[in-house]
Amino acid sequence: MAVQSTYYLDAPSLGSATSVYANSLLSVLAADGFYSDGTIVREQVSGVLLPQQVCPSCLPVSYNCVEGNCVDPGDGTGTYDTLEECVASCGDSPFLRIDWNVGNQNGGQLIIYDNLMVELLNITSTSTTPQNGTIYPLVSEMPYTVRGQWLTGSGNIILYNVCNVIDGLLVYASPVIDISNPYVDYSVFPTPVHSLVQLNAGNVPLVACPIP
């Protein structure tokens, strides 16, 4: 853990010094360890400073808004000086939004996995009523995988679309999923906020993007 304190050098700058001292008379060496002036860092070993290194963590923290998330570019060139400023403008959130809609036909299944292939959602289509809802995976669980899967019906086909929630445009349209090609995966990454639209079994047309 970094600790701020007053130390003394035997040269005008840390870059040109040979040792760090604990007193202004330069008679007491400072403890061995790492010392930084905010730009470089040098390690003192047995009272002698080792060659300097650039200290990335000493660069000023700043943030850019990238696809709804506040990101520190690491070089001090971000648009926002504080995370609070960025969040207020960018709408930073630790969550994604996935809307899902499964049509009212037997024989299909919609599954969504996180980046460890752990199920976040598993819905089997039925002939009674459409099913829909929203889930909020964590950004840390990206990329997530969408799977449309055939379950039953020798002549049955499954289709699904993925649409962008923000602009309503089609992101992905699956090929035919059937007894000979029982599932199709789509990996969503990088991630604007997406919505999953209408997994259908049988020959029922999909709901087109944008989402109604």
C-alpha atoms as a PDB file:
ATOM      1  CA  MET A   1       0.000   0.000   0.000  1.00  0.00           C
ATOM      2  CA  ALA A   2       1.361   3.420  -0.993  1.00  0.00           C
ATOM      3  CA  VAL A   3       2.212   5.836   1.842  1.00  0.00           C
ATOM      4  CA  GLN A   4       2.858   9.552   1.352  1.00  0.00           C
ATOM      5  CA  SER A   5       5.670  11.035   3.453  1.00  0.00           C
ATOM      6  CA  THR A   6       8.594  13.469   3.265  1.00  0.00           C
ATOM      7  CA  TYR A   7      11.930  12.130   2.052  1.00  0.00           C
ATOM      8  CA  TYR A   8      15.204  13.753   0.951  1.00  0.00           C
ATOM      9  CA  LEU A   9      17.392  13.156  -2.074  1.00  0.00           C
ATOM     10  CA  ASP A  10      21.085  13.610  -2.777  1.00  0.00           C
ATOM     11  CA  ALA A  11      20.266  15.125  -6.173  1.00  0.00           C
ATOM     12  CA  PRO A  12      17.732  17.589  -7.654  1.00  0.00           C
ATOM     13  CA  SER A  13      15.337  14.835  -8.756  1.00  0.00           C
ATOM     14  CA  LEU A  14      14.468  11.231  -8.081  1.00  0.00           C
ATOM     15  CA  GLY A  15      15.678  10.334 -11.556  1.00  0.00           C
ATOM     16  CA  SER A  16      19.230  11.568 -10.870  1.00  0.00           C
ATOM     17  CA  ALA A  17      19.485  10.608  -7.175  1.00  0.00           C
ATOM     18  CA  THR A  18      21.541   7.685  -5.903  1.00  0.00           C
ATOM     19  CA  SER A  19      19.776   7.278  -2.541  1.00  0.00           C
ATOM     20  CA  VAL A  20      16.699   8.368  -0.594  1.00  0.00           C
ATOM     21  CA  TYR A  21      17.167   9.707   2.952  1.00  0.00           C
ATOM     22  CA  ALA A  22      14.926  10.101   5.949  1.00  0.00           C
ATOM     23  CA  ASN A  23      16.429  13.412   7.140  1.00  0.00           C
ATOM     24  CA  SER A  24      17.527  16.688   5.578  1.00  0.00           C
ATOM     25  CA  LEU A  25      21.160  16.185   6.668  1.00  0.00           C
ATOM     26  CA  LEU A  26      21.246  13.087   4.431  1.00  0.00           C
ATOM     27  CA  SER A  27      22.711  11.095   7.292  1.00  0.00           C
ATOM     28  CA  VAL A  28      19.909   8.535   7.703  1.00  0.00           C
ATOM     29  CA  LEU A  29      19.003   6.355   4.771  1.00  0.00           C
ATOM     30  CA  ALA A  30      15.312   5.775   4.149  1.00  0.00           C
ATOM     31  CA  ALA A  31      14.030   2.216   4.372  1.00  0.00           C
ATOM     32  CA  ASP A  32      14.483  -0.030   1.388  1.00  0.00           C
ATOM     33  CA  GLY A  33      11.443  -0.102  -0.856  1.00  0.00           C
ATOM     34  CA  PHE A  34       9.801   1.684  -3.773  1.00  0.00           C
ATOM     35  CA  TYR A  35       9.763   5.474  -4.124  1.00  0.00           C
ATOM     36  CA  SER A  36       7.894   7.575  -6.671  1.00  0.00           C
ATOM     37  CA  ASP A  37       7.674  11.262  -7.587  1.00  0.00           C
ATOM     38  CA  GLY A  38       4.414  10.733  -9.477  1.00  0.00           C
ATOM     39  CA  THR A  39       6.090  10.099 -12.832  1.00  0.00           C
ATOM     40  CA  ILE A  40       8.742   7.453 -12.239  1.00  0.00           C
ATOM     41  CA  VAL A  41       9.304   4.803  -9.597  1.00  0.00           C
ATOM     42  CA  ARG A  42      12.642   3.523  -8.270  1.00  0.00           C
ATOM     43  CA  GLU A  43      13.399   0.777  -5.810  1.00  0.00           C
ATOM     44  CA  GLN A  44      15.966   1.341  -3.070  1.00  0.00           C
ATOM     45  CA  VAL A  45      17.937  -1.758  -2.099  1.00  0.00           C
ATOM     46  CA  SER A  46      20.606  -1.661   0.650  1.00  0.00           C
ATOM     47  CA  GLY A  47      20.447   2.141   0.530  1.00  0.00           C
ATOM     48  CA  VAL A  48      21.045   2.402  -3.225  1.00  0.00           C
ATOM     49  CA  LEU A  49      18.404   3.351  -5.816  1.00  0.00           C
ATOM     50  CA  LEU A  50      17.965   0.944  -8.722  1.00  0.00           C
ATOM     51  CA  PRO A  51      17.274   2.191 -12.294  1.00  0.00           C
ATOM     52  CA  GLN A  52      14.036   4.079 -12.759  1.00  0.00           C
ATOM     53  CA  GLN A  53      10.799   2.673 -14.200  1.00  0.00           C
ATOM     54  CA  VAL A  54       7.737   4.414 -15.575  1.00  0.00           C
ATOM     55  CA  CYS A  55       4.922   4.242 -13.049  1.00  0.00           C
ATOM     56  CA  PRO A  56       1.600   3.718 -14.913  1.00  0.00           C
ATOM     57  CA  SER A  57      -0.374   3.827 -11.685  1.00  0.00           C
ATOM     58  CA  CYS A  58       0.999   7.322 -11.049  1.00  0.00           C
ATOM     59  CA  LEU A  59      -0.560   8.733 -14.205  1.00  0.00           C
ATOM     60  CA  PRO A  60      -3.695  10.781 -13.557  1.00  0.00           C
ATOM     61  CA  VAL A  61      -6.893   8.749 -13.549  1.00  0.00           C
ATOM     62  CA  SER A  62      -9.430   9.735 -16.216  1.00  0.00           C
ATOM     63  CA  TYR A  63     -12.375   8.122 -17.958  1.00  0.00           C
ATOM     64  CA  ASN A  64     -13.934   7.739 -21.383  1.00  0.00           C
ATOM     65  CA  CYS A  65     -17.482   6.600 -22.112  1.00  0.00           C
ATOM     66  CA  VAL A  66     -17.281   3.402 -24.184  1.00  0.00           C
ATOM     67  CA  GLU A  67     -20.570   1.741 -25.178  1.00  0.00           C
ATOM     68  CA  GLY A  68     -22.270   2.822 -21.971  1.00  0.00           C
ATOM     69  CA  ASN A  69     -19.349   1.939 -19.680  1.00  0.00           C
ATOM     70  CA  CYS A  70     -16.791   4.247 -18.033  1.00  0.00           C
ATOM     71  CA  VAL A  71     -13.261   3.093 -18.886  1.00  0.00           C
ATOM     72  CA  ASP A  72      -9.895   4.484 -17.735  1.00  0.00           C
ATOM     73  CA  PRO A  73      -7.607   4.567 -20.819  1.00  0.00           C
ATOM     74  CA  GLY A  74      -4.612   4.347 -18.481  1.00  0.00           C
ATOM     75  CA  ASP A  75      -2.699   7.268 -19.967  1.00  0.00           C
ATOM     76  CA  GLY A  76      -4.492  10.242 -18.424  1.00  0.00           C
ATOM     77  CA  THR A  77      -6.171  11.253 -21.685  1.00  0.00           C
ATOM     78  CA  GLY A  78      -9.788  10.465 -20.764  1.00  0.00           C
ATOM     79  CA  THR A  79     -12.588  12.970 -21.331  1.00  0.00           C
ATOM     80  CA  TYR A  80     -13.784  12.917 -17.704  1.00  0.00           C
ATOM     81  CA  ASP A  81     -11.603  13.653 -14.678  1.00  0.00           C
ATOM     82  CA  THR A  82     -13.708  11.663 -12.223  1.00  0.00           C
ATOM     83  CA  LEU A  83     -15.769   8.494 -12.344  1.00  0.00           C
ATOM     84  CA  GLU A  84     -18.775  10.432 -11.010  1.00  0.00           C
ATOM     85  CA  GLU A  85     -18.672  12.847 -13.975  1.00  0.00           C
ATOM     86  CA  CYS A  86     -18.441   9.995 -16.433  1.00  0.00           C
ATOM     87  CA  VAL A  87     -21.282   7.989 -14.868  1.00  0.00           C
ATOM     88  CA  ALA A  88     -23.548  11.052 -14.854  1.00  0.00           C
ATOM     89  CA  SER A  89     -23.019  11.550 -18.582  1.00  0.00           C
ATOM     90  CA  CYS A  90     -22.446   8.002 -19.780  1.00  0.00           C
ATOM     91  CA  GLY A  91     -25.035   6.076 -17.794  1.00  0.00           C
ATOM     92  CA  ASP A  92     -22.457   3.547 -16.667  1.00  0.00           C
ATOM     93  CA  SER A  93     -24.036   0.367 -15.320  1.00  0.00           C
ATOM     94  CA  PRO A  94     -22.589  -2.954 -14.153  1.00  0.00           C
ATOM     95  CA  PHE A  95     -25.488  -4.702 -15.902  1.00  0.00           C
ATOM     96  CA  LEU A  96     -26.600  -5.559 -19.406  1.00  0.00           C
ATOM     97  CA  ARG A  97     -30.219  -5.912 -20.433  1.00  0.00           C
ATOM     98  CA  ILE A  98     -31.492  -8.902 -22.389  1.00  0.00           C
ATOM     99  CA  ASP A  99     -35.161  -9.009 -23.332  1.00  0.00           C
ATOM    100  CA  TRP A 100     -36.326 -12.429 -24.469  1.00  0.00           C
ATOM    101  CA  ASN A 101     -39.460 -13.600 -26.228  1.00  0.00           C
ATOM    102  CA  VAL A 102     -40.296 -17.254 -26.950  1.00  0.00           C
ATOM    103  CA  GLY A 103     -43.140 -17.959 -29.382  1.00  0.00           C
ATOM    104  CA  ASN A 104     -46.128 -20.208 -28.750  1.00  0.00           C
ATOM    105  CA  GLN A 105     -45.053 -23.327 -30.636  1.00  0.00           C
ATOM    106  CA  ASN A 106     -43.888 -26.665 -29.259  1.00  0.00           C
ATOM    107  CA  GLY A 107     -40.439 -28.051 -29.876  1.00  0.00           C
ATOM    108  CA  GLY A 108     -37.942 -25.264 -29.265  1.00  0.00           C
ATOM    109  CA  GLN A 109     -35.699 -24.065 -26.466  1.00  0.00           C
ATOM    110  CA  LEU A 110     -33.924 -20.795 -25.768  1.00  0.00           C
ATOM    111  CA  ILE A 111     -30.808 -20.917 -23.550  1.00  0.00           C
ATOM    112  CA  ILE A 112     -28.483 -18.075 -22.546  1.00  0.00           C
ATOM    113  CA  TYR A 113     -25.076 -18.838 -21.001  1.00  0.00           C
ATOM    114  CA  ASP A 114     -22.473 -16.665 -19.313  1.00  0.00           C
ATOM    115  CA  ASN A 115     -18.773 -16.731 -20.240  1.00  0.00           C
ATOM    116  CA  LEU A 116     -18.281 -19.921 -18.186  1.00  0.00           C
ATOM    117  CA  MET A 117     -21.198 -21.591 -20.006  1.00  0.00           C
ATOM    118  CA  VAL A 118     -23.340 -21.445 -16.870  1.00  0.00           C
ATOM    119  CA  GLU A 119     -27.034 -21.126 -17.736  1.00  0.00           C
ATOM    120  CA  LEU A 120     -28.557 -17.712 -17.103  1.00  0.00           C
ATOM    121  CA  LEU A 121     -31.872 -18.583 -18.780  1.00  0.00           C
ATOM    122  CA  ASN A 122     -33.508 -21.767 -20.088  1.00  0.00           C
ATOM    123  CA  ILE A 123     -36.994 -21.516 -21.631  1.00  0.00           C
ATOM    124  CA  THR A 124     -38.838 -24.280 -23.491  1.00  0.00           C
ATOM    125  CA  SER A 125     -41.458 -23.168 -26.007  1.00  0.00           C
ATOM    126  CA  THR A 126     -45.050 -24.342 -25.562  1.00  0.00           C
ATOM    127  CA  SER A 127     -48.187 -24.278 -27.696  1.00  0.00           C
ATOM    128  CA  THR A 128     -50.216 -22.376 -25.116  1.00  0.00           C
ATOM    129  CA  THR A 129     -48.871 -18.852 -24.910  1.00  0.00           C
ATOM    130  CA  PRO A 130     -45.781 -16.764 -25.789  1.00  0.00           C
ATOM    131  CA  GLN A 131     -43.300 -16.327 -22.937  1.00  0.00           C
ATOM    132  CA  ASN A 132     -41.189 -13.238 -22.417  1.00  0.00           C
ATOM    133  CA  GLY A 133     -39.153 -11.397 -19.834  1.00  0.00           C
ATOM    134  CA  THR A 134     -35.907  -9.551 -19.114  1.00  0.00           C
ATOM    135  CA  ILE A 135     -32.680 -10.638 -17.465  1.00  0.00           C
ATOM    136  CA  TYR A 136     -29.704  -8.495 -16.393  1.00  0.00           C
ATOM    137  CA  PRO A 137     -26.386 -10.327 -16.659  1.00  0.00           C
ATOM    138  CA  LEU A 138     -23.254  -8.680 -15.258  1.00  0.00           C
ATOM    139  CA  VAL A 139     -20.743  -7.103 -17.609  1.00  0.00           C
ATOM    140  CA  SER A 140     -18.158  -9.395 -15.990  1.00  0.00           C
ATOM    141  CA  GLU A 141     -20.120 -12.375 -17.315  1.00  0.00           C
ATOM    142  CA  MET A 142     -19.486 -11.342 -20.926  1.00  0.00           C
ATOM    143  CA  PRO A 143     -19.395 -12.619 -23.520  1.00  0.00           C
ATOM    144  CA  TYR A 144     -22.727 -14.352 -23.180  1.00  0.00           C
ATOM    145  CA  THR A 145     -23.890 -17.089 -25.561  1.00  0.00           C
ATOM    146  CA  VAL A 146     -27.365 -17.346 -27.065  1.00  0.00           C
ATOM    147  CA  ARG A 147     -28.466 -20.863 -28.038  1.00  0.00           C
ATOM    148  CA  GLY A 148     -31.557 -21.748 -30.050  1.00  0.00           C
ATOM    149  CA  GLN A 149     -32.205 -25.472 -29.748  1.00  0.00           C
ATOM    150  CA  TRP A 150     -34.452 -28.053 -31.418  1.00  0.00           C
ATOM    151  CA  LEU A 151     -36.183 -30.384 -28.966  1.00  0.00           C
ATOM    152  CA  THR A 152     -39.028 -32.270 -30.644  1.00  0.00           C
ATOM    153  CA  GLY A 153     -40.902 -32.698 -33.908  1.00  0.00           C
ATOM    154  CA  SER A 154     -39.294 -34.506 -36.840  1.00  0.00           C
ATOM    155  CA  GLY A 155     -40.407 -31.799 -39.280  1.00  0.00           C
ATOM    156  CA  ASN A 156     -40.051 -28.941 -36.859  1.00  0.00           C
ATOM    157  CA  ILE A 157     -37.703 -25.995 -37.382  1.00  0.00           C
ATOM    158  CA  ILE A 158     -36.457 -23.412 -34.893  1.00  0.00           C
ATOM    159  CA  LEU A 159     -35.352 -19.852 -35.682  1.00  0.00           C
ATOM    160  CA  TYR A 160     -34.295 -16.882 -33.585  1.00  0.00           C
ATOM    161  CA  ASN A 161     -33.286 -13.258 -34.043  1.00  0.00           C
ATOM    162  CA  VAL A 162     -31.132 -10.983 -31.898  1.00  0.00           C
ATOM    163  CA  CYS A 163     -31.941  -7.264 -32.081  1.00  0.00           C
ATOM    164  CA  ASN A 164     -30.245  -4.199 -30.626  1.00  0.00           C
ATOM    165  CA  VAL A 165     -32.423  -2.612 -27.943  1.00  0.00           C
ATOM    166  CA  ILE A 166     -31.020   0.866 -28.586  1.00  0.00           C
ATOM    167  CA  ASP A 167     -31.471   1.276 -32.344  1.00  0.00           C
ATOM    168  CA  GLY A 168     -33.821  -1.656 -33.041  1.00  0.00           C
ATOM    169  CA  LEU A 169     -31.632  -3.053 -35.814  1.00  0.00           C
ATOM    170  CA  LEU A 170     -31.097  -6.738 -36.483  1.00  0.00           C
ATOM    171  CA  VAL A 171     -27.843  -8.008 -34.964  1.00  0.00           C
ATOM    172  CA  TYR A 172     -28.108 -11.688 -35.852  1.00  0.00           C
ATOM    173  CA  ALA A 173     -30.550 -14.045 -37.591  1.00  0.00           C
ATOM    174  CA  SER A 174     -30.018 -17.745 -37.002  1.00  0.00           C
ATOM    175  CA  PRO A 175     -30.016 -20.354 -39.750  1.00  0.00           C
ATOM    176  CA  VAL A 176     -32.580 -23.160 -39.629  1.00  0.00           C
ATOM    177  CA  ILE A 177     -32.294 -25.302 -36.500  1.00  0.00           C
ATOM    178  CA  ASP A 178     -33.857 -28.760 -36.835  1.00  0.00           C
ATOM    179  CA  ILE A 179     -33.388 -32.472 -36.152  1.00  0.00           C
ATOM    180  CA  SER A 180     -30.266 -32.563 -38.349  1.00  0.00           C
ATOM    181  CA  ASN A 181     -28.809 -29.333 -36.934  1.00  0.00           C
ATOM    182  CA  PRO A 182     -30.144 -29.394 -33.349  1.00  0.00           C
ATOM    183  CA  TYR A 183     -28.736 -26.109 -32.014  1.00  0.00           C
ATOM    184  CA  VAL A 184     -27.072 -22.873 -33.086  1.00  0.00           C
ATOM    185  CA  ASP A 185     -25.012 -20.634 -30.778  1.00  0.00           C
ATOM    186  CA  TYR A 186     -24.353 -16.911 -31.119  1.00  0.00           C
ATOM    187  CA  SER A 187     -21.747 -15.195 -28.943  1.00  0.00           C
ATOM    188  CA  VAL A 188     -22.610 -11.591 -28.083  1.00  0.00           C
ATOM    189  CA  PHE A 189     -19.327  -9.672 -27.763  1.00  0.00           C
ATOM    190  CA  PRO A 190     -18.409  -6.862 -27.731  1.00  0.00           C
ATOM    191  CA  THR A 191     -21.623  -5.774 -26.193  1.00  0.00           C
ATOM    192  CA  PRO A 192     -23.943  -2.946 -26.847  1.00  0.00           C
ATOM    193  CA  VAL A 193     -27.162  -3.639 -24.938  1.00  0.00           C
ATOM    194  CA  HIS A 194     -29.033  -6.341 -26.843  1.00  0.00           C
ATOM    195  CA  SER A 195     -32.495  -7.807 -26.841  1.00  0.00           C
ATOM    196  CA  LEU A 196     -33.273 -11.349 -27.800  1.00  0.00           C
ATOM    197  CA  VAL A 197     -36.379 -11.604 -29.942  1.00  0.00           C
ATOM    198  CA  GLN A 198     -38.818 -14.430 -30.561  1.00  0.00           C
ATOM    199  CA  LEU A 199     -37.563 -17.951 -30.702  1.00  0.00           C
ATOM    200  CA  ASN A 200     -40.156 -19.782 -32.817  1.00  0.00           C
ATOM    201  CA  ALA A 201     -40.771 -23.454 -33.469  1.00  0.00           C
ATOM    202  CA  GLY A 202     -42.674 -24.675 -36.518  1.00  0.00           C
ATOM    203  CA  ASN A 203     -43.082 -22.530 -39.602  1.00  0.00           C
ATOM    204  CA  VAL A 204     -44.278 -19.459 -37.730  1.00  0.00           C
ATOM    205  CA  PRO A 205     -42.558 -16.264 -38.969  1.00  0.00           C
ATOM    206  CA  LEU A 206     -40.303 -14.460 -36.513  1.00  0.00           C
ATOM    207  CA  VAL A 207     -41.156 -11.049 -35.170  1.00  0.00           C
ATOM    208  CA  ALA A 208     -38.947  -8.652 -37.125  1.00  0.00           C
ATOM    209  CA  CYS A 209     -36.643  -6.055 -35.614  1.00  0.00           C
ATOM    210  CA  PRO A 210     -37.270  -3.526 -34.215  1.00  0.00           C
ATOM    211  CA  ILE A 211     -39.054  -5.072 -31.285  1.00  0.00           C
ATOM    212  CA  PRO A 212     -42.749  -4.079 -31.160  1.00  0.00           C
END
